[in-house]
Amino acid sequence: MKHPIIAFIGAGNMASYIIKGLIATSFPAENIIAARRSQQALEQLQVNHQINITTDNVEAAEKADIIILCVKPAMVKSVLAQLSPLFKNKKPVLASIATGITVKQLSDFSNSDLSVIRVMPNLPVATGCGISSLCASSNTPDTDKQQVEKIFSAVGMTFWLEEKDYNIATMLAGSGPALFYRFIEVLVSGATACDLDLKTAQQMALHTGLGAYEMLRQMKEDPAVLRGHITSPGGTTQAALEVLEKHNFEALVKEALDAGVHRAEVLSADQ
């Protein structure tokens, strides 16, 4: 099976996580090129994964079948302007993880008819348990979509979305882990306030979350059904849930999601 040559332009943390995931799936390291300005950071990537490195974006792009653009949003336009002369003769697939930069902007900035795919990975790709949302330009063939999907499948689940759904996906998958972390923090804080020692509280809260997830995954039941299995009438769980409902827990979470979506819309408009 022939593997494509993949160039990561802007090889920071997110690129390193994806590279690590690809290598773990036996993708050949010699087919990966990482480009960034810091020679020291590149050398560390090379030591870790035995990939090819360069400080020259054009050199990396010239060799690539697929370009994964991992630069900051403010740099996307200038980097694609630098690469656009290359696209007159060479037609790599262009995928970008830059937040807020639309498929149309990517096409316009590249000044070409490349296959363009916008990808939004979340931070847990660092552990191989991430979520990546993808959408593509109308001229992108299924073969190109499948190649990019395979890359991001190496670090978790992938979802093809319409671009109009990206703001809620940003909130749910991108910001969602922070909401889970905050809930664990609050559980631990509440337990220690009741004199449970910190280490025990942290371990119990973490494993409780893991167990709850595994039950959902393995039993494939609706969360409300599993919640009902734990909630006995007049019991401790019911008492706790009644406090959350008294303070309109569902409305509070929805308000938090709406606030994140609104902020994402503002940030997208500023690009």
Protein backbone atom coordinates (compact mmCIF):
# COMPACT_ATOMS: atom_id res chain seq x y z
CA MET A 1 0.00 0.00 0.00
CA LYS A 2 1.41 3.38 -1.01
CA HIS A 3 1.37 6.00 1.72
CA PRO A 4 1.06 9.71 0.89
CA ILE A 5 3.75 12.18 1.85
CA ILE A 6 2.37 14.47 4.55
CA ALA A 7 3.84 17.89 5.33
CA PHE A 8 2.98 19.59 8.61
CA ILE A 9 3.44 23.33 8.18
CA GLY A 10 3.77 24.85 11.65
CA ALA A 11 4.78 21.79 13.64
CA GLY A 12 3.74 22.76 17.16
CA ASN A 13 2.03 20.71 19.86
CA MET A 14 -1.06 19.72 17.88
CA ALA A 15 1.04 18.61 14.91
CA SER A 16 3.27 16.58 17.22
CA TYR A 17 0.22 14.78 18.67
CA ILE A 18 -1.03 13.89 15.18
CA ILE A 19 2.43 12.74 14.11
CA LYS A 20 2.68 10.56 17.23
CA GLY A 21 -0.73 9.04 16.41
CA LEU A 22 0.25 8.36 12.80
CA ILE A 23 3.50 6.67 13.81
CA ALA A 24 1.55 4.51 16.29
CA THR A 25 -0.56 3.23 13.37
CA SER A 26 2.64 2.18 11.55
CA PHE A 27 2.52 5.09 9.11
CA PRO A 28 6.09 5.37 7.76
CA ALA A 29 8.07 8.14 9.43
CA GLU A 30 9.98 8.79 6.20
CA ASN A 31 6.71 9.97 4.62
CA ILE A 32 6.25 12.75 7.19
CA ILE A 33 7.84 16.20 6.91
CA ALA A 34 7.59 18.82 9.67
CA ALA A 35 8.29 22.49 9.00
CA ARG A 36 8.59 25.34 11.50
CA ARG A 37 10.97 28.18 12.32
CA SER A 38 12.48 26.68 15.49
CA GLN A 39 15.30 24.33 14.54
CA GLN A 40 15.57 23.12 18.13
CA ALA A 41 11.90 22.11 18.25
CA LEU A 42 12.21 20.37 14.88
CA GLU A 43 15.23 18.40 16.03
CA GLN A 44 13.33 17.21 19.08
CA LEU A 45 10.49 16.01 16.82
CA GLN A 46 13.02 14.20 14.69
CA VAL A 47 14.57 12.52 17.73
CA ASN A 48 11.14 11.48 18.98
CA HIS A 49 9.71 10.18 15.70
CA GLN A 50 12.54 9.91 13.10
CA ILE A 51 10.62 12.11 10.65
CA ASN A 52 12.00 14.57 8.07
CA ILE A 53 12.36 18.20 9.14
CA THR A 54 12.94 21.59 7.54
CA THR A 55 12.67 25.27 8.42
CA ASP A 56 11.50 26.01 4.86
CA ASN A 57 7.73 25.81 4.32
CA VAL A 58 8.07 25.74 0.53
CA GLU A 59 10.55 22.87 0.66
CA ALA A 60 8.11 20.84 2.76
CA ALA A 61 5.13 21.67 0.55
CA GLU A 62 6.98 20.82 -2.67
CA LYS A 63 7.35 17.21 -1.53
CA ALA A 64 3.87 16.77 -0.08
CA ASP A 65 0.78 14.96 -1.31
CA ILE A 66 -1.10 16.34 1.70
CA ILE A 67 -0.36 19.57 3.55
CA ILE A 68 -1.62 19.89 7.12
CA LEU A 69 -1.59 23.58 7.99
CA CYS A 70 -1.02 23.95 11.74
CA VAL A 71 -0.09 27.63 12.02
CA LYS A 72 -1.90 30.26 14.08
CA PRO A 73 -4.99 31.74 12.37
CA ALA A 74 -3.32 35.13 11.94
CA MET A 75 -0.51 33.47 9.93
CA VAL A 76 -2.67 31.43 7.54
CA LYS A 77 -3.00 34.11 4.85
CA SER A 78 0.71 34.90 4.70
CA VAL A 79 1.78 31.24 4.74
CA LEU A 80 -0.62 30.35 1.91
CA ALA A 81 0.52 33.40 -0.04
CA GLN A 82 4.05 32.05 0.30
CA LEU A 83 2.96 28.64 -0.98
CA SER A 84 0.46 29.70 -3.65
CA PRO A 85 2.98 29.92 -6.55
CA LEU A 86 3.70 26.25 -5.95
CA PHE A 87 0.01 25.38 -6.35
CA LYS A 88 -0.01 26.48 -9.99
CA ASN A 89 1.73 23.23 -10.96
CA LYS A 90 1.41 20.97 -7.93
CA LYS A 91 -1.99 20.12 -6.42
CA PRO A 92 -1.60 18.70 -2.91
CA VAL A 93 -4.60 18.25 -0.64
CA LEU A 94 -4.73 21.19 1.77
CA ALA A 95 -6.05 20.56 5.27
CA SER A 96 -6.04 23.24 7.96
CA ILE A 97 -6.58 23.10 11.72
CA ALA A 98 -6.47 26.90 12.10
CA THR A 99 -9.40 27.98 14.28
CA GLY A 100 -12.01 30.18 12.59
CA ILE A 101 -10.53 30.06 9.08
CA THR A 102 -13.26 28.90 6.70
CA VAL A 103 -12.99 26.60 3.71
CA LYS A 104 -13.65 29.56 1.39
CA GLN A 105 -10.90 31.62 3.03
CA LEU A 106 -8.46 28.74 2.68
CA SER A 107 -9.33 28.45 -1.01
CA ASP A 108 -9.06 32.20 -1.55
CA PHE A 109 -5.76 32.51 0.33
CA SER A 110 -4.23 29.61 -1.62
CA ASN A 111 -5.37 31.22 -4.91
CA SER A 112 -5.98 27.78 -6.37
CA ASP A 113 -8.50 25.01 -6.94
CA LEU A 114 -6.95 22.64 -4.42
CA SER A 115 -8.96 20.11 -2.47
CA VAL A 116 -9.45 22.00 0.80
CA ILE A 117 -10.47 20.41 4.10
CA ARG A 118 -11.03 22.31 7.32
CA VAL A 119 -10.35 20.24 10.44
CA MET A 120 -11.05 21.04 14.07
CA PRO A 121 -9.27 18.61 16.42
CA ASN A 122 -9.72 18.91 20.18
CA LEU A 123 -6.99 18.67 22.81
CA PRO A 124 -7.55 14.99 23.75
CA VAL A 125 -6.00 14.01 20.41
CA ALA A 126 -2.87 14.17 22.58
CA THR A 127 -3.97 10.85 24.11
CA GLY A 128 -5.41 9.30 20.96
CA CYS A 129 -8.94 9.88 22.30
CA GLY A 130 -9.71 13.10 20.49
CA ILE A 131 -12.49 14.33 18.26
CA SER A 132 -11.83 15.93 14.88
CA SER A 133 -14.58 17.71 12.97
CA LEU A 134 -14.07 17.94 9.21
CA CYS A 135 -15.67 19.74 6.28
CA ALA A 136 -14.46 20.05 2.70
CA SER A 137 -14.68 22.32 -0.32
CA SER A 138 -17.25 21.26 -2.92
CA ASN A 139 -14.50 20.28 -5.39
CA THR A 140 -12.83 17.84 -2.98
CA PRO A 141 -13.19 14.23 -4.19
CA ASP A 142 -14.05 11.42 -1.79
CA THR A 143 -10.57 9.91 -2.16
CA ASP A 144 -9.00 13.09 -0.75
CA LYS A 145 -11.56 13.20 2.06
CA GLN A 146 -10.79 9.61 2.95
CA GLN A 147 -7.04 10.26 3.09
CA VAL A 148 -7.41 13.19 5.47
CA GLU A 149 -9.99 11.37 7.56
CA LYS A 150 -7.57 8.48 7.95
CA ILE A 151 -4.88 10.84 9.26
CA PHE A 152 -7.12 12.24 11.98
CA SER A 153 -8.62 8.84 12.78
CA ALA A 154 -5.16 7.99 14.10
CA VAL A 155 -5.83 10.30 17.07
CA GLY A 156 -9.51 9.61 17.80
CA MET A 157 -12.99 9.87 16.28
CA THR A 158 -13.80 11.91 13.18
CA PHE A 159 -17.06 13.62 12.21
CA TRP A 160 -17.94 15.17 8.86
CA LEU A 161 -20.04 18.28 9.48
CA GLU A 162 -21.51 21.14 7.54
CA GLU A 163 -19.46 24.24 8.20
CA LYS A 164 -22.47 26.01 9.73
CA ASP A 165 -22.27 23.50 12.60
CA TYR A 166 -18.66 24.28 13.45
CA ASN A 167 -19.41 26.75 16.24
CA ILE A 168 -21.48 24.31 18.29
CA ALA A 169 -18.95 21.57 17.53
CA THR A 170 -16.21 23.91 18.78
CA MET A 171 -18.11 24.34 22.02
CA LEU A 172 -19.11 20.70 22.47
CA ALA A 173 -15.89 18.95 21.49
CA GLY A 174 -13.33 21.75 21.78
CA SER A 175 -14.45 23.40 25.02
CA GLY A 176 -16.36 20.40 26.37
CA PRO A 177 -13.31 18.77 28.00
CA ALA A 178 -12.79 21.93 30.09
CA LEU A 179 -16.39 21.63 31.35
CA PHE A 180 -15.75 18.01 32.34
CA TYR A 181 -12.51 19.01 34.08
CA ARG A 182 -14.34 21.73 35.97
CA PHE A 183 -16.99 19.24 37.10
CA ILE A 184 -14.27 16.90 38.41
CA GLU A 185 -12.66 19.87 40.20
CA VAL A 186 -15.96 20.69 41.90
CA LEU A 187 -16.58 17.06 42.90
CA VAL A 188 -13.11 16.87 44.45
CA SER A 189 -13.52 20.23 46.19
CA GLY A 190 -16.86 19.16 47.65
CA ALA A 191 -15.45 15.85 48.87
CA THR A 192 -12.45 17.47 50.55
CA ALA A 193 -14.79 19.99 52.20
CA CYS A 194 -16.41 16.91 53.81
CA ASP A 195 -12.94 15.89 55.11
CA LEU A 196 -12.06 13.22 52.52
CA ASP A 197 -8.33 13.47 51.82
CA LEU A 198 -7.36 15.13 48.54
CA LYS A 199 -5.57 12.18 46.92
CA THR A 200 -8.45 9.80 47.60
CA ALA A 201 -11.02 12.35 46.40
CA GLN A 202 -9.11 12.92 43.16
CA GLN A 203 -8.69 9.21 42.43
CA MET A 204 -12.32 8.41 43.23
CA ALA A 205 -13.70 11.30 41.14
CA LEU A 206 -11.49 10.42 38.17
CA HIS A 207 -12.36 6.73 38.25
CA THR A 208 -16.03 7.50 38.76
CA GLY A 209 -15.95 9.49 35.53
CA LEU A 210 -14.13 6.66 33.76
CA GLY A 211 -16.63 4.09 35.03
CA ALA A 212 -19.61 6.21 34.00
CA TYR A 213 -18.15 6.57 30.50
CA GLU A 214 -17.47 2.83 30.19
CA MET A 215 -21.03 1.99 31.20
CA LEU A 216 -22.36 4.34 28.52
CA ARG A 217 -20.00 2.92 25.92
CA GLN A 218 -20.49 -0.75 26.68
CA MET A 219 -24.18 -0.86 27.59
CA LYS A 220 -25.25 1.59 24.85
CA GLU A 221 -28.11 2.86 27.02
CA ASP A 222 -29.49 6.38 27.10
CA PRO A 223 -27.78 8.38 29.88
CA ALA A 224 -31.19 9.03 31.44
CA VAL A 225 -31.79 5.27 31.71
CA LEU A 226 -28.47 4.65 33.44
CA ARG A 227 -29.10 7.61 35.73
CA GLY A 228 -32.40 6.00 36.67
CA HIS A 229 -30.62 2.76 37.61
CA ILE A 230 -28.61 4.67 40.23
CA THR A 231 -31.38 6.94 41.49
CA SER A 232 -33.49 5.26 44.18
CA PRO A 233 -36.62 7.14 45.38
CA GLY A 234 -35.73 9.05 48.52
CA GLY A 235 -32.08 8.03 48.27
CA THR A 236 -28.79 9.92 48.25
CA THR A 237 -28.57 10.28 44.46
CA GLN A 238 -32.07 11.72 44.25
CA ALA A 239 -31.22 14.22 46.99
CA ALA A 240 -28.14 15.37 45.08
CA LEU A 241 -29.95 15.58 41.72
CA GLU A 242 -32.78 17.60 43.27
CA VAL A 243 -30.28 20.27 44.30
CA LEU A 244 -28.97 20.48 40.72
CA GLU A 245 -32.50 20.71 39.33
CA LYS A 246 -33.47 23.30 41.94
CA HIS A 247 -30.77 25.53 40.46
CA ASN A 248 -31.85 24.61 36.91
CA PHE A 249 -28.76 22.62 36.01
CA GLU A 250 -29.92 21.94 32.43
CA ALA A 251 -30.57 25.62 31.73
CA LEU A 252 -27.19 26.56 33.22
CA VAL A 253 -25.33 24.13 30.97
CA LYS A 254 -27.30 25.30 27.93
CA GLU A 255 -26.49 28.91 28.79
CA ALA A 256 -22.81 27.96 28.98
CA LEU A 257 -22.98 26.27 25.56
CA ASP A 258 -24.82 29.25 24.05
CA ALA A 259 -22.20 31.63 25.45
CA GLY A 260 -19.42 29.57 23.87
CA VAL A 261 -21.21 29.40 20.52
CA HIS A 262 -21.75 33.18 20.55
CA ARG A 263 -18.07 33.74 21.31
CA ALA A 264 -17.09 31.41 18.47
CA GLU A 265 -19.30 33.41 16.11
CA VAL A 266 -17.62 36.65 17.19
CA LEU A 267 -14.14 35.17 16.75
CA SER A 268 -15.03 33.76 13.31
CA ALA A 269 -16.35 37.17 12.23
CA ASP A 270 -13.07 38.79 13.30
CA GLN A 271 -10.95 36.60 11.02
